[in-house]
Amino acid sequence: MSRREMRDALLGVPVPGELDSQRRAWTVVRAAFEEREPVRRRAGRVRLAVALAVLAVLAAAALSPPGRAVGDWVRDRVAGAEPAEPALFRLPAAGRLLVVSEQGPWVVRSDGSKRLLGAYEDASFSPRGLHVVVTAGRRVAALTPAGELRWTVTRPQPVADARWAPSGFRVAYREGATLRVVVGNGEDDRLVAEGVAPVAPAWRPAEGENVLAYADAGGRVRVVDVDGGEELLRTPAVEGIRALLWTPDGLLAVLTEAELRLHNRRGRLLEGASLRVADGHELLDAVSAGDGRVVYADHDAAGGETALVEASCFGAGPCRANGPQRLFGGAGRIADLAVSPEGRWLLAGWADADQLLFLRLPRVQRIVAVDDVRREFDPGLAGRGAFPRVAEWCCPDQ
């Protein structure tokens, strides 16, 4: 190994505690700036000294992988960015978050207060946020947001992906390779389908019905009326289904590793409505942002960065000529997208920067970043730990 190769290798190794040191340095610089005595004739020199100190801190931060990610974020959105919050003190909009960490799911209220629900693996809100359905091992359970147990269902095989219907009267979940539905009070648990793929089911967003989409093992998406037992539509087969979502007007979107496909109410693929990322790119996540908009996370594996992109007119029509709009880009993987209840804020989890990103829509008028997310949802964390997953943003505080 040459000296140059050795130097490059050493520069790529993160120093333990380096990010914390950078934050402490920034705190010192900012405090010095705020406590300075205003002397008019030397103001230019003071500003120059502070600017040089800030540049030195940012240069040091850029040497570590998290520092590079934050640097990319600042360069990408200087006009709309604000200083990163050191903790999740509050949400920028009304509602509550569900965030799933290694310890379990947390409910985060709009004022920033948090409650750990218990050692569960997944969680989802009921339509108005009065309850949370959780899974752990072979058990499905319903809790209040305060963590009080309401009912449980135990099955012979592991369960996952429990989702509450918009009507409030049904909960769907997967048990092994089967799909089951239970009444919202924990009664009448029954089989809906067999041969199901490991993809979360998705309820059609209409309160007066209980219509459910799921992916089967053959790569087709089926939509069923779970009360009447009727299959309403079936899409052609596609490989690698990752997620299902509905647009507010009832169109079905199917997310694969490289494509977002939009189907009409008969299951047919809408002509010209599919969106495919470039070769070597990967679709990490997508979310419906209302008014025909879909926001997706486009990860460039070779470039090592993710772009958050909005398809503002996702469907046939003249406004498609505007094309997708890039909202944000940063180093590493950015995923776990969620939209605030009123549709004005987009939330994304940025694991490589250890941040939550809140982007004010439309076209990103403002960006609020929250630092130290791993420790936020694991206060006793000693090492780096796993980055928590944003599950949902729902409902005003009760």
Protein backbone atom coordinates (compact mmCIF):
# COMPACT_ATOMS: atom_id res chain seq x y z
CA MET A 1 0.00 0.00 0.00
CA SER A 2 1.34 3.42 -0.94
CA ARG A 3 1.49 6.37 1.48
CA ARG A 4 -1.28 8.09 -0.43
CA GLU A 5 -3.54 5.01 -0.28
CA MET A 6 -2.85 4.67 3.43
CA ARG A 7 -3.71 8.33 4.01
CA ASP A 8 -6.99 8.01 2.08
CA ALA A 9 -7.91 4.87 3.99
CA LEU A 10 -7.26 6.54 7.35
CA LEU A 11 -9.30 9.61 6.38
CA GLY A 12 -12.26 7.34 5.64
CA VAL A 13 -12.28 5.80 9.14
CA PRO A 14 -14.64 7.67 11.53
CA VAL A 15 -13.00 8.67 14.81
CA PRO A 16 -15.00 7.58 17.90
CA GLY A 17 -16.90 10.55 19.30
CA GLU A 18 -16.00 12.74 16.34
CA LEU A 19 -19.57 13.85 15.59
CA ASP A 20 -20.17 14.77 19.25
CA SER A 21 -16.95 16.81 19.21
CA GLN A 22 -18.11 18.66 16.12
CA ARG A 23 -21.41 19.53 17.80
CA ARG A 24 -19.62 20.76 20.94
CA ALA A 25 -17.34 22.91 18.79
CA TRP A 26 -20.29 24.44 17.05
CA THR A 27 -21.96 25.17 20.40
CA VAL A 28 -18.83 27.01 21.57
CA VAL A 29 -18.59 29.06 18.38
CA ARG A 30 -22.27 29.97 18.46
CA ALA A 31 -22.12 30.94 22.16
CA ALA A 32 -19.08 33.12 21.53
CA PHE A 33 -20.88 34.86 18.71
CA GLU A 34 -24.02 35.50 20.78
CA GLU A 35 -22.07 36.81 23.81
CA ARG A 36 -19.79 39.17 21.90
CA GLU A 37 -19.80 42.90 22.77
CA PRO A 38 -21.08 44.95 19.82
CA VAL A 39 -18.27 47.39 18.93
CA ARG A 40 -19.28 49.28 15.80
CA ARG A 41 -15.90 50.19 14.27
CA ARG A 42 -14.58 46.60 14.63
CA ALA A 43 -17.76 44.86 13.48
CA GLY A 44 -16.16 43.83 10.21
CA ARG A 45 -13.28 42.13 12.04
CA VAL A 46 -15.63 40.34 14.42
CA ARG A 47 -17.74 39.06 11.60
CA LEU A 48 -14.65 37.90 9.75
CA ALA A 49 -13.30 36.06 12.81
CA VAL A 50 -16.61 34.34 13.47
CA ALA A 51 -16.97 33.39 9.81
CA LEU A 52 -13.48 31.87 9.79
CA ALA A 53 -14.25 29.92 12.96
CA VAL A 54 -17.50 28.58 11.51
CA LEU A 55 -15.72 27.58 8.31
CA ALA A 56 -13.12 25.74 10.35
CA VAL A 57 -15.80 23.79 12.22
CA LEU A 58 -17.60 22.90 8.98
CA ALA A 59 -14.34 21.83 7.36
CA ALA A 60 -13.60 19.53 10.29
CA ALA A 61 -17.13 18.12 10.16
CA ALA A 62 -16.75 17.30 6.47
CA LEU A 63 -14.05 14.71 7.25
CA SER A 64 -16.50 12.19 8.72
CA PRO A 65 -19.29 10.35 6.82
CA PRO A 66 -22.07 12.03 8.87
CA GLY A 67 -20.30 15.36 8.38
CA ARG A 68 -20.22 14.87 4.65
CA ALA A 69 -23.93 14.06 4.69
CA VAL A 70 -24.76 17.23 6.62
CA GLY A 71 -22.49 19.23 4.31
CA ASP A 72 -24.34 17.91 1.27
CA TRP A 73 -27.62 18.84 2.90
CA VAL A 74 -26.47 22.42 3.55
CA ARG A 75 -25.13 22.83 0.02
CA ASP A 76 -28.30 21.35 -1.45
CA ARG A 77 -30.75 23.65 0.31
CA VAL A 78 -28.99 26.67 1.79
CA ALA A 79 -31.90 28.99 0.98
CA GLY A 80 -34.53 27.00 2.88
CA ALA A 81 -32.43 25.28 5.54
CA GLU A 82 -32.42 26.16 9.23
CA PRO A 83 -29.87 25.17 11.92
CA ALA A 84 -30.48 21.54 12.88
CA GLU A 85 -32.36 21.01 16.12
CA PRO A 86 -30.30 19.02 18.65
CA ALA A 87 -33.40 17.02 19.65
CA LEU A 88 -37.02 16.46 18.68
CA PHE A 89 -38.49 19.26 20.82
CA ARG A 90 -41.73 19.54 18.82
CA LEU A 91 -43.32 18.66 15.50
CA PRO A 92 -43.65 21.42 12.89
CA ALA A 93 -47.33 20.53 12.35
CA ALA A 94 -50.22 19.06 14.31
CA GLY A 95 -50.51 15.32 14.76
CA ARG A 96 -48.64 12.41 16.27
CA LEU A 97 -45.81 10.23 15.01
CA LEU A 98 -45.25 6.51 15.36
CA VAL A 99 -41.51 5.78 15.39
CA VAL A 100 -40.29 2.19 15.76
CA SER A 101 -36.88 1.71 17.41
CA GLU A 102 -35.02 -1.36 18.63
CA GLN A 103 -36.76 -0.83 21.98
CA GLY A 104 -40.19 -0.77 20.37
CA PRO A 105 -42.68 1.75 18.96
CA TRP A 106 -42.89 5.28 20.37
CA VAL A 107 -45.80 7.72 20.15
CA VAL A 108 -44.53 11.28 19.65
CA ARG A 109 -46.99 14.08 20.35
CA SER A 110 -46.90 17.46 18.62
CA ASP A 111 -45.21 19.07 21.66
CA GLY A 112 -42.33 16.59 21.40
CA SER A 113 -43.31 14.43 24.38
CA LYS A 114 -42.78 10.71 23.74
CA ARG A 115 -44.06 7.43 25.15
CA LEU A 116 -42.58 3.96 24.58
CA LEU A 117 -45.44 1.50 24.05
CA GLY A 118 -43.45 -1.64 24.84
CA ALA A 119 -41.30 -4.33 23.28
CA TYR A 120 -43.24 -4.61 20.01
CA GLU A 121 -41.88 -5.02 16.48
CA ASP A 122 -44.30 -2.88 14.44
CA ALA A 123 -47.16 -0.45 14.98
CA SER A 124 -49.93 1.39 13.13
CA PHE A 125 -52.55 3.95 14.21
CA SER A 126 -56.31 3.46 14.09
CA PRO A 127 -58.03 5.97 11.74
CA ARG A 128 -58.42 8.74 14.36
CA GLY A 129 -55.42 7.78 16.43
CA LEU A 130 -57.46 6.58 19.40
CA HIS A 131 -55.68 3.20 19.33
CA VAL A 132 -52.47 1.64 18.05
CA VAL A 133 -52.26 -1.90 16.67
CA VAL A 134 -48.92 -3.60 17.38
CA THR A 135 -47.30 -6.94 16.63
CA ALA A 136 -44.70 -9.02 18.44
CA GLY A 137 -43.84 -12.62 17.64
CA ARG A 138 -47.16 -14.49 17.27
CA ARG A 139 -49.30 -11.80 18.89
CA VAL A 140 -51.39 -8.92 17.56
CA ALA A 141 -52.53 -6.38 20.15
CA ALA A 142 -54.46 -3.11 20.34
CA LEU A 143 -53.27 -0.39 22.75
CA THR A 144 -54.22 3.15 23.60
CA PRO A 145 -51.57 5.79 22.79
CA ALA A 146 -50.83 5.74 26.53
CA GLY A 147 -49.89 2.05 26.28
CA GLU A 148 -53.00 0.52 27.89
CA LEU A 149 -53.85 -2.92 26.48
CA ARG A 150 -57.30 -3.28 24.88
CA TRP A 151 -57.22 -6.72 23.25
CA THR A 152 -54.87 -9.38 21.86
CA VAL A 153 -54.98 -12.16 19.26
CA THR A 154 -52.39 -14.96 19.35
CA ARG A 155 -51.65 -17.12 16.31
CA PRO A 156 -49.58 -20.29 15.71
CA GLN A 157 -47.14 -18.56 13.31
CA PRO A 158 -45.33 -15.18 13.46
CA VAL A 159 -47.47 -12.17 12.58
CA ALA A 160 -46.55 -8.86 10.93
CA ASP A 161 -47.83 -5.76 9.10
CA ALA A 162 -51.03 -5.13 11.05
CA ARG A 163 -53.02 -2.26 9.51
CA TRP A 164 -56.27 -0.65 10.71
CA ALA A 165 -59.03 -0.01 8.13
CA PRO A 166 -60.21 3.60 7.58
CA SER A 167 -63.67 2.49 8.79
CA GLY A 168 -62.18 1.58 12.17
CA PHE A 169 -64.03 -1.77 12.15
CA ARG A 170 -61.35 -4.08 10.72
CA VAL A 171 -57.65 -4.82 11.24
CA ALA A 172 -55.69 -6.77 8.61
CA TYR A 173 -52.41 -8.56 9.30
CA ARG A 174 -50.15 -11.24 7.86
CA GLU A 175 -49.57 -14.58 9.58
CA GLY A 176 -46.78 -16.41 7.79
CA ALA A 177 -47.91 -16.61 4.14
CA THR A 178 -51.58 -15.94 4.93
CA LEU A 179 -53.65 -12.77 5.26
CA ARG A 180 -56.14 -12.46 8.12
CA VAL A 181 -58.67 -9.87 9.30
CA VAL A 182 -60.01 -9.27 12.80
CA VAL A 183 -62.82 -6.97 13.91
CA GLY A 184 -61.65 -3.71 15.51
CA ASN A 185 -62.63 -4.97 18.98
CA GLY A 186 -60.45 -8.09 18.68
CA GLU A 187 -63.27 -10.52 17.77
CA ASP A 188 -64.05 -12.70 14.74
CA ASP A 189 -60.48 -13.32 13.57
CA ARG A 190 -60.60 -15.07 10.18
CA LEU A 191 -58.62 -16.05 7.10
CA VAL A 192 -58.86 -13.87 3.99
CA ALA A 193 -56.19 -15.28 1.65
CA GLU A 194 -53.34 -17.78 1.39
CA GLY A 195 -50.13 -17.60 -0.66
CA VAL A 196 -49.45 -13.98 0.34
CA ALA A 197 -46.16 -12.15 -0.29
CA PRO A 198 -44.27 -10.48 2.60
CA VAL A 199 -45.68 -7.02 1.81
CA ALA A 200 -47.87 -4.90 4.09
CA PRO A 201 -51.53 -4.85 2.99
CA ALA A 202 -53.12 -1.47 2.20
CA TRP A 203 -56.73 -0.39 2.84
CA ARG A 204 -58.45 1.76 0.24
CA PRO A 205 -58.98 5.24 1.77
CA ALA A 206 -62.77 5.35 2.08
CA GLU A 207 -64.42 5.28 5.50
CA GLY A 208 -67.64 3.56 4.42
CA GLU A 209 -65.98 0.40 3.05
CA ASN A 210 -63.50 -2.30 3.97
CA VAL A 211 -61.56 -2.85 0.74
CA LEU A 212 -58.05 -4.24 1.03
CA ALA A 213 -55.10 -4.61 -1.39
CA TYR A 214 -52.44 -7.26 -0.90
CA ALA A 215 -49.66 -8.85 -2.96
CA ASP A 216 -49.74 -12.57 -3.63
CA ALA A 217 -46.73 -14.86 -3.95
CA GLY A 218 -46.97 -14.72 -7.77
CA GLY A 219 -46.37 -10.96 -7.92
CA ARG A 220 -49.97 -9.95 -8.56
CA VAL A 221 -51.83 -7.38 -6.48
CA ARG A 222 -55.36 -8.37 -5.52
CA VAL A 223 -58.04 -6.05 -4.15
CA VAL A 224 -60.83 -7.65 -2.12
CA ASP A 225 -63.95 -6.60 -0.26
CA VAL A 226 -63.19 -8.32 3.03
CA ASP A 227 -66.82 -8.20 4.21
CA GLY A 228 -68.44 -9.60 1.08
CA GLY A 229 -65.49 -11.82 0.10
CA GLU A 230 -65.53 -10.52 -3.48
CA GLU A 231 -62.30 -9.96 -5.43
CA LEU A 232 -62.66 -6.54 -7.05
CA LEU A 233 -59.53 -6.47 -9.21
CA ARG A 234 -56.26 -8.22 -9.94
CA THR A 235 -53.19 -6.62 -11.54
CA PRO A 236 -50.74 -8.31 -13.91
CA ALA A 237 -47.77 -9.95 -12.22
CA VAL A 238 -44.65 -7.90 -11.50
CA GLU A 239 -41.43 -8.88 -9.76
CA GLY A 240 -40.14 -7.47 -6.52
CA ILE A 241 -43.17 -5.69 -5.03
CA ARG A 242 -42.05 -3.60 -2.06
CA ALA A 243 -45.08 -1.57 -1.05
CA LEU A 244 -48.68 -0.78 -1.91
CA LEU A 245 -50.33 2.61 -1.54
CA TRP A 246 -53.53 4.33 -2.56
CA THR A 247 -53.95 7.83 -3.94
CA PRO A 248 -56.72 9.92 -2.33
CA ASP A 249 -58.93 9.39 -5.41
CA GLY A 250 -58.70 5.60 -5.13
CA LEU A 251 -55.96 4.72 -7.64
CA LEU A 252 -53.62 1.90 -6.67
CA ALA A 253 -49.85 2.49 -6.77
CA VAL A 254 -47.45 -0.46 -6.69
CA LEU A 255 -43.84 0.15 -5.70
CA THR A 256 -41.11 -2.19 -6.92
CA GLU A 257 -37.33 -1.88 -6.66
CA ALA A 258 -37.13 0.29 -9.79
CA GLU A 259 -40.67 1.29 -10.75
CA LEU A 260 -43.82 2.97 -9.43
CA ARG A 261 -46.86 1.66 -11.33
CA LEU A 262 -50.31 3.28 -11.18
CA HIS A 263 -53.45 1.19 -11.79
CA ASN A 264 -57.02 2.29 -12.34
CA ARG A 265 -60.08 0.90 -10.54
CA ARG A 266 -60.18 -2.05 -12.92
CA GLY A 267 -56.58 -2.98 -12.23
CA ARG A 268 -55.28 -1.83 -15.60
CA LEU A 269 -51.93 -0.05 -15.75
CA LEU A 270 -52.55 3.59 -16.65
CA GLU A 271 -50.88 4.43 -19.93
CA GLY A 272 -47.93 6.76 -19.43
CA ALA A 273 -48.44 6.85 -15.66
CA SER A 274 -45.66 4.50 -14.58
CA LEU A 275 -42.44 5.99 -13.33
CA ARG A 276 -39.12 4.15 -13.61
CA VAL A 277 -35.79 5.22 -12.12
CA ALA A 278 -32.50 5.08 -14.02
CA ASP A 279 -30.35 1.96 -14.22
CA GLY A 280 -28.33 1.49 -11.03
CA HIS A 281 -30.94 3.39 -9.00
CA GLU A 282 -33.34 1.98 -6.42
CA LEU A 283 -36.74 3.13 -5.20
CA LEU A 284 -36.54 3.05 -1.40
CA ASP A 285 -39.99 4.36 -0.53
CA ALA A 286 -42.97 6.37 -1.79
CA VAL A 287 -45.88 8.21 -0.20
CA SER A 288 -49.04 9.87 -1.48
CA ALA A 289 -48.90 13.60 -0.76
CA GLY A 290 -52.45 14.45 -1.89
CA ASP A 291 -53.75 16.35 -4.91
CA GLY A 292 -52.38 13.70 -7.27
CA ARG A 293 -48.83 14.06 -5.96
CA VAL A 294 -46.52 11.17 -5.09
CA VAL A 295 -43.15 11.68 -3.41
CA TYR A 296 -40.55 8.94 -3.80
CA ALA A 297 -37.00 8.26 -2.61
CA ASP A 298 -34.62 7.56 -5.53
CA HIS A 299 -31.33 6.04 -4.31
CA ASP A 300 -28.29 6.15 -6.59
CA ALA A 301 -26.14 3.24 -5.39
CA ALA A 302 -23.06 4.23 -7.41
CA GLY A 303 -23.23 7.88 -6.40
CA GLY A 304 -24.08 7.02 -2.81
CA GLU A 305 -26.94 9.50 -2.47
CA THR A 306 -30.72 9.69 -2.35
CA ALA A 307 -33.01 12.22 -4.03
CA LEU A 308 -36.53 12.94 -2.79
CA VAL A 309 -38.62 13.57 -5.90
CA GLU A 310 -42.22 14.68 -6.36
CA ALA A 311 -44.30 13.57 -9.32
CA SER A 312 -46.69 16.50 -9.20
CA CYS A 313 -49.18 15.13 -11.76
CA PHE A 314 -48.92 11.40 -11.36
CA GLY A 315 -51.27 10.22 -14.05
CA ALA A 316 -52.40 11.03 -17.57
CA GLY A 317 -53.03 14.67 -18.42
CA PRO A 318 -51.36 17.86 -19.66
CA CYS A 319 -49.74 18.72 -16.32
CA ARG A 320 -47.44 15.67 -16.72
CA ALA A 321 -45.34 17.86 -18.99
CA ASN A 322 -43.94 19.54 -15.88
CA GLY A 323 -42.14 16.30 -15.04
CA PRO A 324 -40.90 15.10 -11.65
CA GLN A 325 -39.51 17.79 -9.34
CA ARG A 326 -36.44 17.12 -7.16
CA LEU A 327 -37.21 18.28 -3.61
CA PHE A 328 -34.03 17.34 -1.78
CA GLY A 329 -30.85 15.27 -2.08
CA GLY A 330 -28.28 13.98 0.38
CA ALA A 331 -25.57 11.38 0.91
CA GLY A 332 -26.56 7.85 1.88
CA ARG A 333 -30.07 6.41 2.17
CA ILE A 334 -33.11 8.57 2.92
CA ALA A 335 -36.37 6.68 3.36
CA ASP A 336 -39.35 6.12 5.70
CA LEU A 337 -41.45 8.84 4.11
CA ALA A 338 -44.57 10.20 5.83
CA VAL A 339 -46.84 13.18 5.26
CA SER A 340 -48.41 15.31 7.99
CA PRO A 341 -52.19 14.95 8.46
CA GLU A 342 -52.94 18.24 6.67
CA GLY A 343 -50.50 17.37 3.85
CA ARG A 344 -48.16 20.35 4.21
CA TRP A 345 -45.06 18.63 5.63
CA LEU A 346 -43.02 15.70 4.36
CA LEU A 347 -41.01 13.68 6.89
CA ALA A 348 -38.05 11.47 5.95
CA GLY A 349 -35.56 9.41 7.97
CA TRP A 350 -31.90 10.07 7.09
CA ALA A 351 -29.94 7.28 8.74
CA ASP A 352 -26.48 8.28 7.47
CA ALA A 353 -26.81 11.76 9.01
CA ASP A 354 -28.68 10.48 12.11
CA GLN A 355 -31.42 13.00 11.32
CA LEU A 356 -35.13 13.37 10.78
CA LEU A 357 -35.93 15.79 7.96
CA PHE A 358 -39.14 17.84 7.88
CA LEU A 359 -39.73 19.51 4.49
CA ARG A 360 -42.44 22.14 4.08
CA LEU A 361 -44.45 21.51 0.93
CA PRO A 362 -45.06 22.40 -1.82
CA ARG A 363 -41.65 22.69 -3.51
CA VAL A 364 -39.86 22.74 -0.11
CA GLN A 365 -40.39 26.21 1.28
CA ARG A 366 -38.60 25.32 4.51
CA ILE A 367 -36.45 22.50 5.96
CA VAL A 368 -36.26 21.54 9.63
CA ALA A 369 -33.69 18.89 10.57
CA VAL A 370 -33.46 17.08 13.91
CA ASP A 371 -30.11 15.64 15.05
CA ASP A 372 -29.15 12.70 17.26
CA VAL A 373 -32.20 10.60 16.36
CA ARG A 374 -30.77 7.25 17.45
CA ARG A 375 -30.24 8.48 21.00
CA GLU A 376 -33.60 10.28 20.93
CA PHE A 377 -35.39 6.92 20.74
CA ASP A 378 -32.85 4.96 22.80
CA PRO A 379 -31.74 7.32 25.62
CA GLY A 380 -29.27 4.83 27.07
CA LEU A 381 -27.58 4.12 23.75
CA ALA A 382 -23.84 3.58 24.16
CA GLY A 383 -22.79 2.77 20.58
CA ARG A 384 -24.24 3.77 17.22
CA GLY A 385 -27.25 1.42 17.21
CA ALA A 386 -29.89 0.98 14.54
CA PHE A 387 -31.67 4.00 13.11
CA PRO A 388 -35.37 4.07 14.12
CA ARG A 389 -38.06 3.72 11.48
CA VAL A 390 -40.78 6.31 10.92
CA ALA A 391 -44.04 4.34 10.69
CA GLU A 392 -46.82 6.94 10.46
CA TRP A 393 -47.80 10.58 10.98
CA CYS A 394 -51.42 10.75 12.00
CA CYS A 395 -54.19 12.56 13.75
CA PRO A 396 -54.38 15.59 16.06
CA ASP A 397 -53.39 15.08 19.70
CA GLN A 398 -56.23 13.83 21.89
